[in-house]
Each structure stands twice: as structure tokens, then as C-alpha cells.
Amino acid sequence: MLSDTYTYVFYKHIMFRRSCGVCHFTNLQRPSDITIADFWGWEKVDKDFNTDDKGVSLVLVNTPKGEEWFESVKNDVNYIESNTTDCLQPNLQHPTIIHPQRDDFEMDYQKYGFRYVVKKYGNMGCTFKITKFVQRIKCKIYSHLKI
């Protein structure tokens, strides 16, 4: 599935912009009034909140103006309050670590297109399938050796 492959490649950080690796906004001292992001870890706060399993947005209130804005809309949205520890995620702590093959990925994409790069770097090509096959065999051997 192409959408699964896109997600796979995305989470490898191989197609991120170079600027993501040096972003100076990856901290909690933010210049905006509010910050909106995905809320990874919401289940630590309220495991019953996301019953439709469509995800939860994170809203960080950074300034008094942001607090005023949130107060004006909070009766119209479903929300749960959280502490910083439960919503802290890597990109709020440090810049993304860029994949070492990022430049190769970009050149291959420009030269050969999307289907080529998802086969070469994603989970559709022979290299990925062989790697997964070898991993499964290693797991089976390891599980037999453990007994």
C-alpha cells in the first residue's frame, strides 16, 4: 500500500527538510501565543478520551494572549488538561535527527520519482522484503536457542 509506504518513509526522517535538523523552535520557549501539534501520550492523561481513535490535538498555551484565546473557545471543544511531562515529545525537546541518506533520497526522488524512492528507501522494494525475511529467521533461531 502506497499510503503505508509513505508513512514508513516519513517516520524514517529520510524525507524531512534539512531545516528540521536545526530548528530553533524545538523547545517549550515558543514565540507564538499557542502551539498546535499532535498529542502523543494523551492516553497517559485519560485513556477514554480518544474513543473514536482519530487522534488528539495538542494545544500549548504559551502567552497570556493564548490563554485568553483558549478561554474563549474551551466551552466549544472537547479537551483534557495535561501537564508538560505527559505531552512532551521529541520535537518539543530537540531538532529532528535527519537520516544520513537524506540527500541521496532527495537526488533519487528528483531523478527517478516517488515510486523509485519508496522501493529503494521504503517498505515496497526487494531490499526491505529481504531484510524483513532475515529478521524473521533471526527471531525464530533466537527463540529456539532460548528454549
C-alpha atoms as a PDB file:
ATOM      1  CA  MET A   1       0.000   0.000   0.000  1.00  0.00           C
ATOM      2  CA  LEU A   2       1.433   3.347  -1.041  1.00  0.00           C
ATOM      3  CA  SER A   3      -0.013   5.219   1.967  1.00  0.00           C
ATOM      4  CA  ASP A   4       1.645   2.744   4.378  1.00  0.00           C
ATOM      5  CA  THR A   5       4.901   3.183   2.494  1.00  0.00           C
ATOM      6  CA  TYR A   6       4.669   6.989   2.703  1.00  0.00           C
ATOM      7  CA  THR A   7       4.187   6.694   6.475  1.00  0.00           C
ATOM      8  CA  TYR A   8       7.115   4.269   6.735  1.00  0.00           C
ATOM      9  CA  VAL A   9       9.428   6.627   4.830  1.00  0.00           C
ATOM     10  CA  PHE A  10       8.151   9.642   6.798  1.00  0.00           C
ATOM     11  CA  TYR A  11       8.976   8.064  10.150  1.00  0.00           C
ATOM     12  CA  LYS A  12      12.494   7.207   8.951  1.00  0.00           C
ATOM     13  CA  HIS A  13      13.045  11.006   8.766  1.00  0.00           C
ATOM     14  CA  ILE A  14      14.667  10.495   5.386  1.00  0.00           C
ATOM     15  CA  MET A  15      12.473  12.990   3.536  1.00  0.00           C
ATOM     16  CA  PHE A  16      12.414  15.801   6.087  1.00  0.00           C
ATOM     17  CA  ARG A  17      13.660  19.234   5.158  1.00  0.00           C
ATOM     18  CA  ARG A  18      17.233  19.923   6.239  1.00  0.00           C
ATOM     19  CA  SER A  19      15.947  22.816   8.360  1.00  0.00           C
ATOM     20  CA  CYS A  20      14.110  20.321  10.608  1.00  0.00           C
ATOM     21  CA  GLY A  21      17.530  19.155  11.818  1.00  0.00           C
ATOM     22  CA  VAL A  22      18.464  22.614  13.078  1.00  0.00           C
ATOM     23  CA  CYS A  23      15.056  24.014  14.044  1.00  0.00           C
ATOM     24  CA  HIS A  24      15.316  26.556  16.863  1.00  0.00           C
ATOM     25  CA  PHE A  25      11.625  26.146  17.792  1.00  0.00           C
ATOM     26  CA  THR A  26      12.104  22.643  19.235  1.00  0.00           C
ATOM     27  CA  ASN A  27      11.667  23.664  22.850  1.00  0.00           C
ATOM     28  CA  LEU A  28       8.952  24.946  25.153  1.00  0.00           C
ATOM     29  CA  GLN A  29      10.080  28.593  24.972  1.00  0.00           C
ATOM     30  CA  ARG A  30       7.972  29.405  21.945  1.00  0.00           C
ATOM     31  CA  PRO A  31       7.282  32.843  20.487  1.00  0.00           C
ATOM     32  CA  SER A  32       3.706  32.050  19.426  1.00  0.00           C
ATOM     33  CA  ASP A  33       0.624  32.593  21.571  1.00  0.00           C
ATOM     34  CA  ILE A  34      -0.359  28.946  21.098  1.00  0.00           C
ATOM     35  CA  THR A  35       1.245  25.855  19.598  1.00  0.00           C
ATOM     36  CA  ILE A  36      -0.853  23.170  17.894  1.00  0.00           C
ATOM     37  CA  ALA A  37       0.556  19.677  17.365  1.00  0.00           C
ATOM     38  CA  ASP A  38      -0.352  16.002  17.574  1.00  0.00           C
ATOM     39  CA  PHE A  39      -0.817  14.904  21.187  1.00  0.00           C
ATOM     40  CA  TRP A  40       1.217  11.731  21.508  1.00  0.00           C
ATOM     41  CA  GLY A  41       0.726  10.354  25.001  1.00  0.00           C
ATOM     42  CA  TRP A  42      -2.832  11.516  25.623  1.00  0.00           C
ATOM     43  CA  GLU A  43      -3.664   8.039  26.973  1.00  0.00           C
ATOM     44  CA  LYS A  44      -1.437   8.746  29.989  1.00  0.00           C
ATOM     45  CA  VAL A  45      -3.838  11.561  30.875  1.00  0.00           C
ATOM     46  CA  ASP A  46      -7.208   9.963  30.011  1.00  0.00           C
ATOM     47  CA  LYS A  47      -7.281   6.595  28.229  1.00  0.00           C
ATOM     48  CA  ASP A  48     -11.005   7.023  27.463  1.00  0.00           C
ATOM     49  CA  PHE A  49     -10.683  10.422  25.760  1.00  0.00           C
ATOM     50  CA  ASN A  50      -9.963   9.323  22.167  1.00  0.00           C
ATOM     51  CA  THR A  51     -12.804   6.812  21.788  1.00  0.00           C
ATOM     52  CA  ASP A  52     -13.100   7.291  18.010  1.00  0.00           C
ATOM     53  CA  ASP A  53      -9.338   6.594  17.618  1.00  0.00           C
ATOM     54  CA  LYS A  54      -8.883   9.557  15.248  1.00  0.00           C
ATOM     55  CA  GLY A  55      -6.123  11.166  17.248  1.00  0.00           C
ATOM     56  CA  VAL A  56      -5.870  14.059  19.651  1.00  0.00           C
ATOM     57  CA  SER A  57      -4.522  17.533  19.015  1.00  0.00           C
ATOM     58  CA  LEU A  58      -2.189  19.180  21.467  1.00  0.00           C
ATOM     59  CA  VAL A  59      -2.674  22.863  22.228  1.00  0.00           C
ATOM     60  CA  LEU A  60       0.092  24.506  24.209  1.00  0.00           C
ATOM     61  CA  VAL A  61      -0.841  27.877  25.657  1.00  0.00           C
ATOM     62  CA  ASN A  62       2.328  29.973  25.577  1.00  0.00           C
ATOM     63  CA  THR A  63       1.281  33.517  26.465  1.00  0.00           C
ATOM     64  CA  PRO A  64      -1.456  35.411  28.306  1.00  0.00           C
ATOM     65  CA  LYS A  65      -2.980  36.244  24.901  1.00  0.00           C
ATOM     66  CA  GLY A  66      -3.010  32.495  24.102  1.00  0.00           C
ATOM     67  CA  GLU A  67      -4.694  31.832  27.442  1.00  0.00           C
ATOM     68  CA  GLU A  68      -7.347  34.441  26.615  1.00  0.00           C
ATOM     69  CA  TRP A  69      -7.964  32.813  23.226  1.00  0.00           C
ATOM     70  CA  PHE A  70      -8.233  29.324  24.705  1.00  0.00           C
ATOM     71  CA  GLU A  71     -10.615  30.511  27.424  1.00  0.00           C
ATOM     72  CA  SER A  72     -12.869  31.975  24.721  1.00  0.00           C
ATOM     73  CA  VAL A  73     -13.211  28.614  22.889  1.00  0.00           C
ATOM     74  CA  LYS A  74     -12.797  25.939  25.530  1.00  0.00           C
ATOM     75  CA  ASN A  75     -16.546  25.513  26.069  1.00  0.00           C
ATOM     76  CA  ASP A  76     -16.910  24.628  22.372  1.00  0.00           C
ATOM     77  CA  VAL A  77     -14.236  21.902  22.213  1.00  0.00           C
ATOM     78  CA  ASN A  78     -13.585  18.595  23.926  1.00  0.00           C
ATOM     79  CA  TYR A  79     -10.350  18.838  25.838  1.00  0.00           C
ATOM     80  CA  ILE A  80      -8.371  17.334  28.656  1.00  0.00           C
ATOM     81  CA  GLU A  81      -5.828  19.226  30.684  1.00  0.00           C
ATOM     82  CA  SER A  82      -2.337  17.813  30.861  1.00  0.00           C
ATOM     83  CA  ASN A  83       0.988  18.592  32.419  1.00  0.00           C
ATOM     84  CA  THR A  84       4.080  19.175  30.333  1.00  0.00           C
ATOM     85  CA  THR A  85       5.600  15.796  31.207  1.00  0.00           C
ATOM     86  CA  ASP A  86       2.671  13.836  29.734  1.00  0.00           C
ATOM     87  CA  CYS A  87       2.651  15.702  26.431  1.00  0.00           C
ATOM     88  CA  LEU A  88       6.373  16.263  25.928  1.00  0.00           C
ATOM     89  CA  GLN A  89       7.507  14.731  22.667  1.00  0.00           C
ATOM     90  CA  PRO A  90      10.862  14.677  20.880  1.00  0.00           C
ATOM     91  CA  ASN A  91      10.226  17.706  18.658  1.00  0.00           C
ATOM     92  CA  LEU A  92       9.432  19.790  21.727  1.00  0.00           C
ATOM     93  CA  GLN A  93      12.842  18.852  23.150  1.00  0.00           C
ATOM     94  CA  HIS A  94      15.326  18.839  20.261  1.00  0.00           C
ATOM     95  CA  PRO A  95      15.505  19.094  16.468  1.00  0.00           C
ATOM     96  CA  THR A  96      14.738  16.024  14.391  1.00  0.00           C
ATOM     97  CA  ILE A  97      17.715  13.791  13.686  1.00  0.00           C
ATOM     98  CA  ILE A  98      17.976  13.755   9.916  1.00  0.00           C
ATOM     99  CA  HIS A  99      18.581  10.401   8.242  1.00  0.00           C
ATOM    100  CA  PRO A 100      22.140  10.031   6.903  1.00  0.00           C
ATOM    101  CA  GLN A 101      20.804   9.148   3.419  1.00  0.00           C
ATOM    102  CA  ARG A 102      18.534  12.185   3.242  1.00  0.00           C
ATOM    103  CA  ASP A 103      20.499  13.870   0.418  1.00  0.00           C
ATOM    104  CA  ASP A 104      20.645  10.614  -1.578  1.00  0.00           C
ATOM    105  CA  PHE A 105      16.872  10.272  -1.142  1.00  0.00           C
ATOM    106  CA  GLU A 106      16.300  13.785  -2.494  1.00  0.00           C
ATOM    107  CA  MET A 107      18.567  13.255  -5.513  1.00  0.00           C
ATOM    108  CA  ASP A 108      16.916   9.909  -6.290  1.00  0.00           C
ATOM    109  CA  TYR A 109      13.474  11.464  -5.951  1.00  0.00           C
ATOM    110  CA  GLN A 110      14.354  14.301  -8.330  1.00  0.00           C
ATOM    111  CA  LYS A 111      15.916  11.935 -10.839  1.00  0.00           C
ATOM    112  CA  TYR A 112      13.575   8.919 -10.679  1.00  0.00           C
ATOM    113  CA  GLY A 113      10.382   9.932  -8.868  1.00  0.00           C
ATOM    114  CA  PHE A 114       8.304   8.765  -5.926  1.00  0.00           C
ATOM    115  CA  ARG A 115       7.783   5.096  -6.837  1.00  0.00           C
ATOM    116  CA  TYR A 116      11.528   4.595  -7.177  1.00  0.00           C
ATOM    117  CA  VAL A 117      12.369   6.120  -3.782  1.00  0.00           C
ATOM    118  CA  VAL A 118       9.670   4.205  -1.915  1.00  0.00           C
ATOM    119  CA  LYS A 119      11.029   0.983  -3.374  1.00  0.00           C
ATOM    120  CA  LYS A 120      14.614   1.906  -2.553  1.00  0.00           C
ATOM    121  CA  TYR A 121      14.097   3.531   0.864  1.00  0.00           C
ATOM    122  CA  GLY A 122      10.616   2.384   1.851  1.00  0.00           C
ATOM    123  CA  ASN A 123       8.850  -0.870   2.554  1.00  0.00           C
ATOM    124  CA  MET A 124       7.956  -1.884  -1.007  1.00  0.00           C
ATOM    125  CA  GLY A 125      11.222  -2.944  -2.588  1.00  0.00           C
ATOM    126  CA  CYS A 126      13.263  -6.131  -2.548  1.00  0.00           C
ATOM    127  CA  THR A 127      15.780  -4.793  -0.017  1.00  0.00           C
ATOM    128  CA  PHE A 128      13.043  -4.198   2.546  1.00  0.00           C
ATOM    129  CA  LYS A 129      11.457  -7.599   1.927  1.00  0.00           C
ATOM    130  CA  ILE A 130      14.795  -9.418   2.220  1.00  0.00           C
ATOM    131  CA  THR A 131      15.656  -7.518   5.414  1.00  0.00           C
ATOM    132  CA  LYS A 132      12.302  -8.420   6.956  1.00  0.00           C
ATOM    133  CA  PHE A 133      12.719 -12.054   5.923  1.00  0.00           C
ATOM    134  CA  VAL A 134      16.175 -12.210   7.526  1.00  0.00           C
ATOM    135  CA  GLN A 135      14.832 -10.579  10.696  1.00  0.00           C
ATOM    136  CA  ARG A 136      12.053 -13.178  10.944  1.00  0.00           C
ATOM    137  CA  ILE A 137      14.567 -16.024  10.555  1.00  0.00           C
ATOM    138  CA  LYS A 138      16.860 -14.481  13.195  1.00  0.00           C
ATOM    139  CA  CYS A 139      13.897 -14.209  15.583  1.00  0.00           C
ATOM    140  CA  LYS A 140      12.969 -17.858  15.020  1.00  0.00           C
ATOM    141  CA  ILE A 141      16.543 -19.023  15.556  1.00  0.00           C
ATOM    142  CA  TYR A 142      16.844 -16.877  18.668  1.00  0.00           C
ATOM    143  CA  SER A 143      13.562 -18.144  20.106  1.00  0.00           C
ATOM    144  CA  HIS A 144      14.705 -21.780  19.561  1.00  0.00           C
ATOM    145  CA  LEU A 145      18.070 -21.087  21.179  1.00  0.00           C
ATOM    146  CA  LYS A 146      16.367 -19.548  24.216  1.00  0.00           C
ATOM    147  CA  ILE A 147      14.449 -22.734  24.994  1.00  0.00           C
END
